[in-house]
Amino acid sequence: MCLLLLLSCFSLVAASAQVQPDGRASFRRSNDPSGRCLYTFTVPSPEESSCSGGGGRSEVDAVLARVTLLEALVSRLLAGADTRGDVKEGLQETHSQVTAERNQLQQDKERLTRQIMEMQMRVAELSQEAQRACQDRATSGARQESRDRPASDTSYDVSNDSYQEMKAEVTEVPASQLLPDSNKTGCGELLSVGDPVTHRKAEAISGKYGVWLQDPDPQGSYYTNKSVWRIDAVGKEVRQLSVYEDMDQFAQGFPMKVLLLPDPVESTGATMYRGSLYYQRKRSRTLIRYDLASESLAARRELPHAGFHGQHPYSWGGYTDIDLAVDEQGLWAIYSTSKAKGAIVISKLDPENLEVKKSWETRIRKNSVANAFMVCGRLYTLASYAAANTTINYMFDTATGVGRPVHIPFKNKYRYNSMVDYNHDQKKLFAWDNFHMVTYDVSLGRPGQDSR
């Protein structure tokens, strides 16, 4: 801008010198002593006939001084523009460096978080092992003391729990124990659940929760009750079903085949029965039966009025609105409806066409429990998915239509149990606990019967 003003000043000077009509003004060009070109013009004063002190030369010097000052200002402005460019480039470089450092810090945070979780799980495992060791030593010591104590010793405390159990074994023999073991040959109420046994850990984040099963009643000769089936349930389009020849191959991570399901899977509510995979289609109340032998869709049907995709899930979430289950009596659906206001509804399904045969409404809210499964026509619910030591807290019997609270100890070894299914052929619970695939032995019988 200053440069433009300077040029304008020169233009005005030139114009003023050229508009004098009487020729009195003069304009000339000459070099100064230093060799620089100078432009000068003269106009006679109408009032003064002469100037004192040779003022003409000083005015030219003054103009030259102003021009020099303007040139200096222009140079400073141009230098300032370059400086702003350098500052902008420096800021961009600093921003890139800070962004890189922030990303590195985020990666370090995630790595430390994983290490903390692994350490916590390891501490919990060591604590449980130490508790079991102490209990085993205490039990062993009590038994040894009992053997060493004379029969006539009256100081023995008859209120001791071990003594009460021994007395019951000697004096009370239920009639049911004279018959074949009902735990292996028939049905009964769930009496106890054993400690979890870990079979495999998932390799990637997609395996934080999922489904793994064995078919309790396989059909055909290609797949057997030893085949192991697995679905990693984390992802936008969950459609891969992996099959392993047996538990050994499953533990080593070598699938014999990976099938692509016709529709994506919703959450961890799938189950396996009579040579078919039963699951809920993603974002719908539609149930699907997938035939494993032909690798094709065998049946599709909506579950009437069932909530889906987060309307009535278990307490851990995961869109677990519809949970399919299998037991000695067949195929079941565990879910809720708007009419039931979130209470668990149980429906018996036709395994061929998925039609609802009969339904029962319970009094326990679905989102208040962590998971549920069926055993011998009875629904059992799990109180917590994250507590290391929790309970199976409720039972509903479809034979009588009556439910009641129960208290059966249950362990979540890895603190995030997202799937629990019963296998009546093996009398085991299959579970998926925070990347880990585990099983629990169960004992069935009559209430009050010794489950050991």
Protein backbone atom coordinates (compact mmCIF):
# COMPACT_ATOMS: atom_id res chain seq x y z
CA MET A 1 0.00 0.00 0.00
CA CYS A 2 2.81 2.42 0.86
CA LEU A 3 4.49 1.69 -2.48
CA LEU A 4 1.26 2.60 -4.28
CA LEU A 5 1.05 5.89 -2.36
CA LEU A 6 4.62 6.73 -3.33
CA LEU A 7 3.91 6.10 -7.01
CA SER A 8 0.78 8.22 -6.74
CA CYS A 9 2.81 11.10 -5.31
CA PHE A 10 5.20 10.97 -8.27
CA SER A 11 2.24 10.88 -10.67
CA LEU A 12 0.71 13.97 -9.05
CA VAL A 13 4.04 15.79 -9.23
CA ALA A 14 4.39 14.96 -12.91
CA ALA A 15 0.83 16.01 -13.61
CA SER A 16 1.27 19.32 -11.78
CA ALA A 17 4.33 20.09 -13.86
CA GLN A 18 2.50 19.43 -17.12
CA VAL A 19 -0.74 21.42 -16.55
CA GLN A 20 0.84 24.88 -16.42
CA PRO A 21 -0.44 26.67 -19.58
CA ASP A 22 1.82 29.73 -19.48
CA GLY A 23 5.12 27.79 -19.46
CA ARG A 24 6.23 29.33 -16.20
CA ALA A 25 6.74 25.98 -14.54
CA SER A 26 9.80 23.99 -15.47
CA PHE A 27 10.55 20.31 -15.01
CA ARG A 28 13.92 18.58 -15.43
CA ARG A 29 15.93 15.48 -14.73
CA SER A 30 19.54 15.35 -13.54
CA ASN A 31 21.97 13.20 -11.60
CA ASP A 32 23.01 14.15 -8.08
CA PRO A 33 26.72 14.04 -7.01
CA SER A 34 26.33 10.39 -6.05
CA GLY A 35 25.00 9.48 -9.48
CA ARG A 36 21.31 9.00 -8.51
CA CYS A 37 18.65 10.34 -10.89
CA LEU A 38 16.59 13.27 -9.51
CA TYR A 39 13.34 14.79 -10.79
CA THR A 40 12.85 18.57 -10.05
CA PHE A 41 10.29 21.19 -10.99
CA THR A 42 10.06 24.95 -10.27
CA VAL A 43 7.08 27.32 -9.95
CA PRO A 44 7.60 31.07 -9.33
CA SER A 45 5.98 32.44 -6.16
CA PRO A 46 3.26 35.02 -6.75
CA GLU A 47 4.23 36.90 -3.57
CA GLU A 48 8.02 36.54 -3.11
CA SER A 49 10.54 37.71 -5.62
CA SER A 50 13.37 35.82 -3.98
CA CYS A 51 14.01 33.18 -1.26
CA SER A 52 16.43 33.67 1.56
CA GLY A 53 19.00 30.97 2.33
CA GLY A 54 18.63 28.88 -0.84
CA GLY A 55 15.39 27.08 0.27
CA GLY A 56 14.88 25.29 -3.06
CA ARG A 57 17.64 22.83 -2.40
CA SER A 58 16.39 22.05 1.12
CA GLU A 59 12.88 21.22 -0.15
CA VAL A 60 14.34 18.74 -2.64
CA ASP A 61 16.37 17.21 0.16
CA ALA A 62 13.24 16.97 2.28
CA VAL A 63 11.37 15.15 -0.53
CA LEU A 64 14.28 12.78 -0.95
CA ALA A 65 14.27 12.09 2.80
CA ARG A 66 10.55 11.29 2.67
CA VAL A 67 11.06 8.96 -0.30
CA THR A 68 13.85 7.17 1.55
CA LEU A 69 11.59 6.79 4.60
CA LEU A 70 8.80 5.35 2.42
CA GLU A 71 11.21 2.84 0.85
CA ALA A 72 12.30 1.74 4.32
CA LEU A 73 8.66 1.27 5.39
CA VAL A 74 7.90 -0.79 2.27
CA SER A 75 10.93 -3.01 2.94
CA ARG A 76 9.80 -3.57 6.53
CA LEU A 77 6.28 -4.49 5.43
CA LEU A 78 7.58 -7.01 2.88
CA ALA A 79 9.92 -8.51 5.48
CA GLY A 80 6.96 -8.80 7.92
CA ALA A 81 4.92 -10.82 5.36
CA ASP A 82 7.79 -13.29 5.01
CA THR A 83 8.02 -13.53 8.80
CA ARG A 84 4.31 -14.42 9.06
CA GLY A 85 4.83 -17.19 6.54
CA ASP A 86 7.70 -18.57 8.61
CA VAL A 87 5.60 -18.40 11.80
CA LYS A 88 2.72 -20.25 10.11
CA GLU A 89 5.04 -22.98 8.89
CA GLY A 90 6.55 -23.26 12.37
CA LEU A 91 3.11 -23.59 13.98
CA GLN A 92 2.15 -26.35 11.54
CA GLU A 93 5.30 -28.27 12.34
CA THR A 94 4.71 -27.89 16.10
CA HIS A 95 1.08 -29.07 15.72
CA SER A 96 2.22 -32.18 13.85
CA GLN A 97 4.76 -32.96 16.55
CA VAL A 98 2.19 -32.52 19.37
CA THR A 99 -0.31 -34.74 17.52
CA ALA A 100 2.27 -37.50 17.13
CA GLU A 101 3.16 -37.30 20.83
CA ARG A 102 -0.55 -37.45 21.76
CA ASN A 103 -1.10 -40.59 19.64
CA GLN A 104 1.93 -42.22 21.23
CA LEU A 105 0.60 -41.41 24.71
CA GLN A 106 -2.79 -42.92 23.79
CA GLN A 107 -1.11 -46.13 22.63
CA ASP A 108 0.91 -46.27 25.85
CA LYS A 109 -2.29 -45.78 27.87
CA GLU A 110 -4.06 -48.65 26.08
CA ARG A 111 -1.07 -50.92 26.56
CA LEU A 112 -0.89 -50.11 30.28
CA THR A 113 -4.64 -50.66 30.64
CA ARG A 114 -4.33 -54.14 29.11
CA GLN A 115 -1.44 -54.94 31.42
CA ILE A 116 -3.44 -53.79 34.46
CA MET A 117 -6.40 -56.00 33.46
CA GLU A 118 -4.12 -59.01 33.00
CA MET A 119 -2.50 -58.37 36.38
CA GLN A 120 -5.90 -58.06 38.08
CA MET A 121 -7.06 -61.34 36.58
CA ARG A 122 -3.84 -63.02 37.62
CA VAL A 123 -4.17 -61.70 41.19
CA ALA A 124 -7.75 -62.99 41.33
CA GLU A 125 -6.63 -66.42 40.11
CA LEU A 126 -3.82 -66.58 42.68
CA SER A 127 -6.23 -65.50 45.43
CA GLN A 128 -8.70 -68.21 44.51
CA GLU A 129 -5.95 -70.83 44.35
CA ALA A 130 -4.69 -69.75 47.76
CA GLN A 131 -8.20 -69.96 49.23
CA ARG A 132 -8.72 -73.44 47.81
CA ALA A 133 -5.35 -74.56 49.15
CA CYS A 134 -6.22 -73.26 52.62
CA GLN A 135 -9.61 -74.94 52.52
CA ASP A 136 -8.06 -78.23 51.39
CA ARG A 137 -5.49 -78.10 54.20
CA ALA A 138 -8.17 -77.25 56.76
CA THR A 139 -10.41 -80.08 55.57
CA SER A 140 -7.52 -82.54 55.55
CA GLY A 141 -6.52 -81.52 59.07
CA ALA A 142 -10.07 -81.87 60.36
CA ARG A 143 -10.40 -85.36 58.89
CA GLN A 144 -7.08 -86.43 60.35
CA GLU A 145 -8.08 -85.09 63.76
CA SER A 146 -11.37 -86.97 63.51
CA ARG A 147 -9.56 -90.23 62.76
CA ASP A 148 -7.12 -89.72 65.63
CA ARG A 149 -9.78 -88.79 68.21
CA PRO A 150 -10.97 -91.68 70.47
CA ALA A 151 -14.57 -92.72 70.05
CA SER A 152 -15.23 -92.04 73.76
CA ASP A 153 -14.02 -88.43 73.57
CA THR A 154 -17.05 -86.38 74.74
CA SER A 155 -15.33 -83.06 74.10
CA TYR A 156 -16.07 -83.34 70.40
CA ASP A 157 -18.38 -80.53 69.29
CA VAL A 158 -21.50 -82.09 67.72
CA SER A 159 -22.31 -78.74 66.08
CA ASN A 160 -19.26 -79.08 63.82
CA ASP A 161 -20.30 -78.94 60.15
CA SER A 162 -18.05 -81.83 59.15
CA TYR A 163 -19.58 -84.01 61.82
CA GLN A 164 -23.09 -83.15 60.70
CA GLU A 165 -22.26 -84.13 57.12
CA MET A 166 -20.71 -87.43 58.27
CA LYS A 167 -23.71 -88.20 60.43
CA ALA A 168 -26.08 -87.56 57.54
CA GLU A 169 -24.09 -89.91 55.36
CA VAL A 170 -24.29 -92.68 57.97
CA THR A 171 -27.85 -92.35 59.25
CA GLU A 172 -29.79 -90.95 56.29
CA VAL A 173 -29.94 -92.86 53.04
CA PRO A 174 -32.62 -91.38 50.70
CA ALA A 175 -34.56 -93.92 48.70
CA SER A 176 -33.52 -92.18 45.50
CA GLN A 177 -29.92 -93.22 46.17
CA LEU A 178 -30.93 -96.87 46.01
CA LEU A 179 -32.04 -96.28 42.39
CA PRO A 180 -29.76 -95.50 39.40
CA ASP A 181 -28.01 -92.12 39.66
CA SER A 182 -30.51 -89.50 38.52
CA ASN A 183 -27.67 -87.04 37.87
CA LYS A 184 -26.61 -89.10 34.85
CA THR A 185 -29.76 -90.85 33.65
CA GLY A 186 -32.58 -88.40 34.16
CA CYS A 187 -33.76 -84.95 35.10
CA GLY A 188 -33.88 -83.06 38.34
CA GLU A 189 -33.41 -79.66 39.85
CA LEU A 190 -30.05 -77.94 39.59
CA LEU A 191 -28.23 -78.60 42.88
CA SER A 192 -24.73 -77.24 42.27
CA VAL A 193 -22.34 -75.84 39.67
CA GLY A 194 -18.64 -76.74 39.67
CA ASP A 195 -15.61 -74.52 39.17
CA PRO A 196 -14.98 -73.19 35.63
CA VAL A 197 -12.59 -75.10 33.36
CA THR A 198 -10.90 -72.98 30.67
CA HIS A 199 -10.57 -74.54 27.20
CA ARG A 200 -9.44 -71.62 25.02
CA LYS A 201 -8.85 -67.87 24.89
CA ALA A 202 -9.92 -65.78 21.89
CA GLU A 203 -7.13 -64.33 19.75
CA ALA A 204 -8.59 -60.90 18.84
CA ILE A 205 -10.97 -58.20 20.08
CA SER A 206 -13.78 -59.81 18.05
CA GLY A 207 -13.71 -62.61 20.62
CA LYS A 208 -14.39 -60.53 23.74
CA TYR A 209 -17.78 -62.23 23.76
CA GLY A 210 -19.36 -64.86 21.57
CA VAL A 211 -20.95 -68.32 21.35
CA TRP A 212 -19.34 -71.75 21.58
CA LEU A 213 -21.27 -75.02 21.72
CA GLN A 214 -21.42 -78.74 21.13
CA ASP A 215 -24.58 -80.30 19.72
CA PRO A 216 -26.16 -82.49 22.45
CA ASP A 217 -28.19 -84.45 19.90
CA PRO A 218 -26.49 -84.32 16.46
CA GLN A 219 -28.22 -85.67 13.36
CA GLY A 220 -26.36 -87.35 10.49
CA SER A 221 -22.86 -88.80 10.38
CA TYR A 222 -20.67 -85.87 9.25
CA TYR A 223 -20.79 -83.85 12.49
CA THR A 224 -20.92 -85.52 15.91
CA ASN A 225 -21.44 -84.53 19.53
CA LYS A 226 -17.64 -84.09 19.69
CA SER A 227 -17.65 -81.33 17.06
CA VAL A 228 -17.15 -77.86 18.54
CA TRP A 229 -18.86 -74.78 17.10
CA ARG A 230 -17.78 -71.17 17.64
CA ILE A 231 -19.02 -67.67 16.69
CA ASP A 232 -17.06 -64.53 17.62
CA ALA A 233 -19.89 -62.06 18.22
CA VAL A 234 -18.09 -58.67 18.14
CA GLY A 235 -18.44 -56.90 14.78
CA LYS A 236 -20.85 -55.15 12.42
CA GLU A 237 -21.62 -58.23 10.30
CA VAL A 238 -21.22 -61.43 12.35
CA ARG A 239 -21.72 -64.32 9.90
CA GLN A 240 -18.80 -66.74 10.37
CA LEU A 241 -19.42 -70.09 12.06
CA SER A 242 -16.25 -72.10 12.74
CA VAL A 243 -16.35 -75.85 13.34
CA TYR A 244 -13.60 -77.94 14.97
CA GLU A 245 -13.27 -81.71 14.82
CA ASP A 246 -13.09 -82.14 18.60
CA MET A 247 -12.10 -80.37 21.80
CA ASP A 248 -8.38 -80.99 21.24
CA GLN A 249 -8.43 -79.31 17.84
CA PHE A 250 -10.51 -76.51 19.33
CA ALA A 251 -7.96 -75.94 22.10
CA GLN A 252 -5.18 -75.75 19.48
CA GLY A 253 -7.17 -73.33 17.30
CA PHE A 254 -7.39 -75.44 14.13
CA PRO A 255 -10.91 -75.27 12.59
CA MET A 256 -11.79 -77.94 10.08
CA LYS A 257 -14.22 -75.59 8.32
CA VAL A 258 -15.66 -72.05 8.42
CA LEU A 259 -19.25 -71.62 7.27
CA LEU A 260 -20.81 -68.34 6.09
CA LEU A 261 -24.29 -67.87 7.56
CA PRO A 262 -27.09 -66.51 5.32
CA ASP A 263 -27.93 -63.62 7.71
CA PRO A 264 -25.87 -61.77 10.32
CA VAL A 265 -26.09 -62.92 13.95
CA GLU A 266 -27.44 -60.75 16.77
CA SER A 267 -25.42 -61.11 20.00
CA THR A 268 -24.78 -64.33 21.96
CA GLY A 269 -28.20 -66.01 22.07
CA ALA A 270 -27.55 -68.76 19.48
CA THR A 271 -27.79 -72.46 20.27
CA MET A 272 -27.16 -75.84 18.61
CA TYR A 273 -29.68 -78.72 18.40
CA ARG A 274 -30.20 -81.78 16.20
CA GLY A 275 -27.84 -80.76 13.44
CA SER A 276 -29.04 -77.15 13.17
CA LEU A 277 -27.85 -73.79 14.39
CA TYR A 278 -30.63 -71.60 15.79
CA TYR A 279 -30.02 -67.85 16.06
CA GLN A 280 -31.63 -64.39 15.97
CA ARG A 281 -31.21 -62.29 12.85
CA LYS A 282 -29.50 -58.95 13.48
CA ARG A 283 -31.79 -55.98 14.31
CA SER A 284 -34.97 -58.05 14.14
CA ARG A 285 -37.13 -60.50 16.10
CA THR A 286 -36.68 -63.05 13.31
CA LEU A 287 -35.40 -66.50 14.31
CA ILE A 288 -33.38 -68.57 11.86
CA ARG A 289 -32.73 -72.29 11.64
CA TYR A 290 -29.57 -73.08 9.65
CA ASP A 291 -29.09 -76.72 8.61
CA LEU A 292 -25.44 -77.70 9.12
CA ALA A 293 -25.40 -80.74 6.82
CA SER A 294 -26.74 -78.93 3.73
CA GLU A 295 -25.28 -75.56 4.80
CA SER A 296 -28.53 -73.83 3.93
CA LEU A 297 -31.44 -71.93 5.47
CA ALA A 298 -34.02 -74.43 6.78
CA ALA A 299 -36.60 -72.17 8.49
CA ARG A 300 -37.27 -68.53 9.29
CA ARG A 301 -39.97 -67.10 11.57
CA GLU A 302 -40.62 -64.02 13.69
CA LEU A 303 -40.97 -64.49 17.46
CA PRO A 304 -44.31 -62.74 18.14
CA HIS A 305 -44.07 -59.43 20.06
CA ALA A 306 -40.50 -60.12 21.20
CA GLY A 307 -38.32 -57.13 22.05
CA PHE A 308 -35.11 -56.84 20.06
CA HIS A 309 -31.92 -54.81 19.63
CA GLY A 310 -31.68 -53.38 23.12
CA GLN A 311 -35.34 -53.25 24.22
CA HIS A 312 -35.10 -56.03 26.82
CA PRO A 313 -31.49 -57.27 27.11
CA TYR A 314 -29.72 -58.94 30.02
CA SER A 315 -27.98 -56.63 32.50
CA TRP A 316 -24.65 -56.76 30.62
CA GLY A 317 -26.28 -55.41 27.43
CA GLY A 318 -24.96 -56.69 24.12
CA TYR A 319 -28.43 -56.70 22.43
CA THR A 320 -29.22 -59.96 24.26
CA ASP A 321 -32.98 -59.52 23.91
CA ILE A 322 -33.65 -63.05 22.59
CA ASP A 323 -31.77 -65.99 24.10
CA LEU A 324 -32.30 -69.44 22.55
CA ALA A 325 -31.71 -72.48 24.76
CA VAL A 326 -31.86 -76.27 24.61
CA ASP A 327 -32.40 -78.86 27.35
CA GLU A 328 -33.77 -82.39 27.80
CA GLN A 329 -37.23 -81.23 26.71
CA GLY A 330 -36.28 -79.40 23.49
CA LEU A 331 -35.83 -75.87 22.10
CA TRP A 332 -36.74 -72.74 24.07
CA ALA A 333 -36.72 -68.95 23.64
CA ILE A 334 -36.03 -66.64 26.60
CA TYR A 335 -37.10 -63.03 25.94
CA SER A 336 -39.58 -60.31 26.95
CA THR A 337 -42.39 -58.25 25.41
CA SER A 338 -44.02 -54.86 25.87
CA LYS A 339 -47.06 -56.59 27.37
CA ALA A 340 -44.87 -58.36 29.92
CA LYS A 341 -43.23 -54.99 30.76
CA GLY A 342 -39.71 -56.41 30.74
CA ALA A 343 -40.43 -59.60 32.69
CA ILE A 344 -38.90 -62.79 31.28
CA VAL A 345 -41.14 -64.77 28.93
CA ILE A 346 -40.34 -68.42 28.13
CA SER A 347 -41.63 -70.02 24.93
CA LYS A 348 -41.37 -73.64 23.83
CA LEU A 349 -40.51 -73.75 20.09
CA ASP A 350 -40.99 -76.33 17.39
CA PRO A 351 -37.42 -77.17 16.31
CA GLU A 352 -38.51 -77.77 12.71
CA ASN A 353 -40.44 -74.59 11.84
CA LEU A 354 -39.77 -72.38 14.94
CA GLU A 355 -43.48 -72.04 15.73
CA VAL A 356 -44.34 -71.16 19.35
CA LYS A 357 -46.07 -74.10 21.07
CA LYS A 358 -46.63 -72.61 24.54
CA SER A 359 -45.46 -69.60 26.57
CA TRP A 360 -45.00 -68.76 30.26
CA GLU A 361 -44.57 -65.33 31.87
CA THR A 362 -42.35 -65.06 34.94
CA ARG A 363 -42.07 -62.37 37.61
CA ILE A 364 -38.36 -61.61 37.26
CA ARG A 365 -37.23 -58.73 35.05
CA LYS A 366 -34.90 -59.68 32.24
CA ASN A 367 -32.58 -56.67 32.60
CA SER A 368 -32.09 -57.43 36.30
CA VAL A 369 -30.23 -60.70 35.62
CA ALA A 370 -26.96 -61.33 33.79
CA ASN A 371 -27.96 -64.45 31.85
CA ALA A 372 -30.34 -67.42 31.83
CA PHE A 373 -30.50 -71.05 30.70
CA MET A 374 -32.89 -74.03 30.72
CA VAL A 375 -32.40 -77.35 32.54
CA CYS A 376 -35.13 -80.03 32.50
CA GLY A 377 -37.87 -77.54 31.67
CA ARG A 378 -36.77 -75.11 34.38
CA LEU A 379 -35.42 -71.60 33.82
CA TYR A 380 -32.40 -70.53 35.90
CA THR A 381 -31.08 -66.96 36.02
CA LEU A 382 -27.59 -65.70 36.87
CA ALA A 383 -27.35 -62.72 39.25
CA SER A 384 -24.14 -61.08 37.97
CA TYR A 385 -21.88 -61.32 34.92
CA ALA A 386 -18.94 -59.46 36.52
CA ALA A 387 -18.73 -60.53 40.18
CA ALA A 388 -16.13 -63.24 40.72
CA ASN A 389 -18.41 -65.04 43.17
CA THR A 390 -22.09 -64.70 42.37
CA THR A 391 -25.18 -66.94 42.46
CA ILE A 392 -27.86 -68.52 40.33
CA ASN A 393 -30.67 -66.63 42.02
CA TYR A 394 -34.02 -67.65 40.49
CA MET A 395 -35.77 -70.74 39.16
CA PHE A 396 -39.04 -71.03 37.22
CA ASP A 397 -40.59 -74.45 36.63
CA THR A 398 -42.67 -74.65 33.43
CA ALA A 399 -44.28 -77.89 34.69
CA THR A 400 -45.97 -76.08 37.60
CA GLY A 401 -45.87 -72.47 36.36
CA VAL A 402 -44.28 -71.42 39.66
CA GLY A 403 -41.03 -69.56 40.24
CA ARG A 404 -38.98 -69.04 43.40
CA PRO A 405 -35.62 -67.64 44.53
CA VAL A 406 -32.67 -70.03 44.78
CA HIS A 407 -29.07 -69.63 45.91
CA ILE A 408 -26.58 -71.72 43.94
CA PRO A 409 -22.94 -70.45 43.98
CA PHE A 410 -21.46 -69.57 40.59
CA LYS A 411 -18.02 -68.22 39.63
CA ASN A 412 -17.18 -65.70 36.90
CA LYS A 413 -13.47 -66.42 36.73
CA TYR A 414 -12.65 -63.68 34.19
CA ARG A 415 -15.27 -61.13 35.31
CA TYR A 416 -17.30 -60.66 32.10
CA ASN A 417 -19.59 -63.62 31.41
CA SER A 418 -21.64 -62.93 28.29
CA MET A 419 -23.02 -66.39 27.39
CA VAL A 420 -24.26 -69.39 29.44
CA ASP A 421 -25.84 -72.44 27.75
CA TYR A 422 -26.67 -75.92 29.07
CA ASN A 423 -25.61 -79.13 27.30
CA HIS A 424 -27.83 -81.96 28.59
CA ASP A 425 -25.74 -84.66 26.88
CA GLN A 426 -22.63 -83.72 28.89
CA LYS A 427 -24.42 -82.24 31.94
CA LYS A 428 -22.29 -79.13 31.56
CA LEU A 429 -22.73 -75.39 31.22
CA PHE A 430 -20.85 -73.77 28.33
CA ALA A 431 -19.89 -70.11 28.94
CA TRP A 432 -17.94 -67.27 27.30
CA ASP A 433 -16.18 -65.22 29.97
CA ASN A 434 -14.17 -62.19 28.81
CA PHE A 435 -12.35 -63.75 25.80
CA HIS A 436 -12.27 -67.19 27.55
CA MET A 437 -14.34 -70.25 26.64
CA VAL A 438 -15.10 -72.27 29.78
CA THR A 439 -17.32 -75.12 30.99
CA TYR A 440 -18.90 -75.95 34.36
CA ASP A 441 -19.97 -79.39 35.57
CA VAL A 442 -23.48 -79.41 37.06
CA SER A 443 -25.23 -81.73 39.50
CA LEU A 444 -28.95 -82.48 39.24
CA GLY A 445 -31.25 -84.17 41.71
CA ARG A 446 -34.05 -83.64 44.17
CA PRO A 447 -34.03 -80.73 46.64
CA GLY A 448 -32.18 -81.79 49.78
CA GLN A 449 -30.35 -84.60 47.99
CA ASP A 450 -26.59 -84.76 48.45
CA SER A 451 -25.13 -83.53 45.13
CA ARG A 452 -21.59 -84.81 45.62
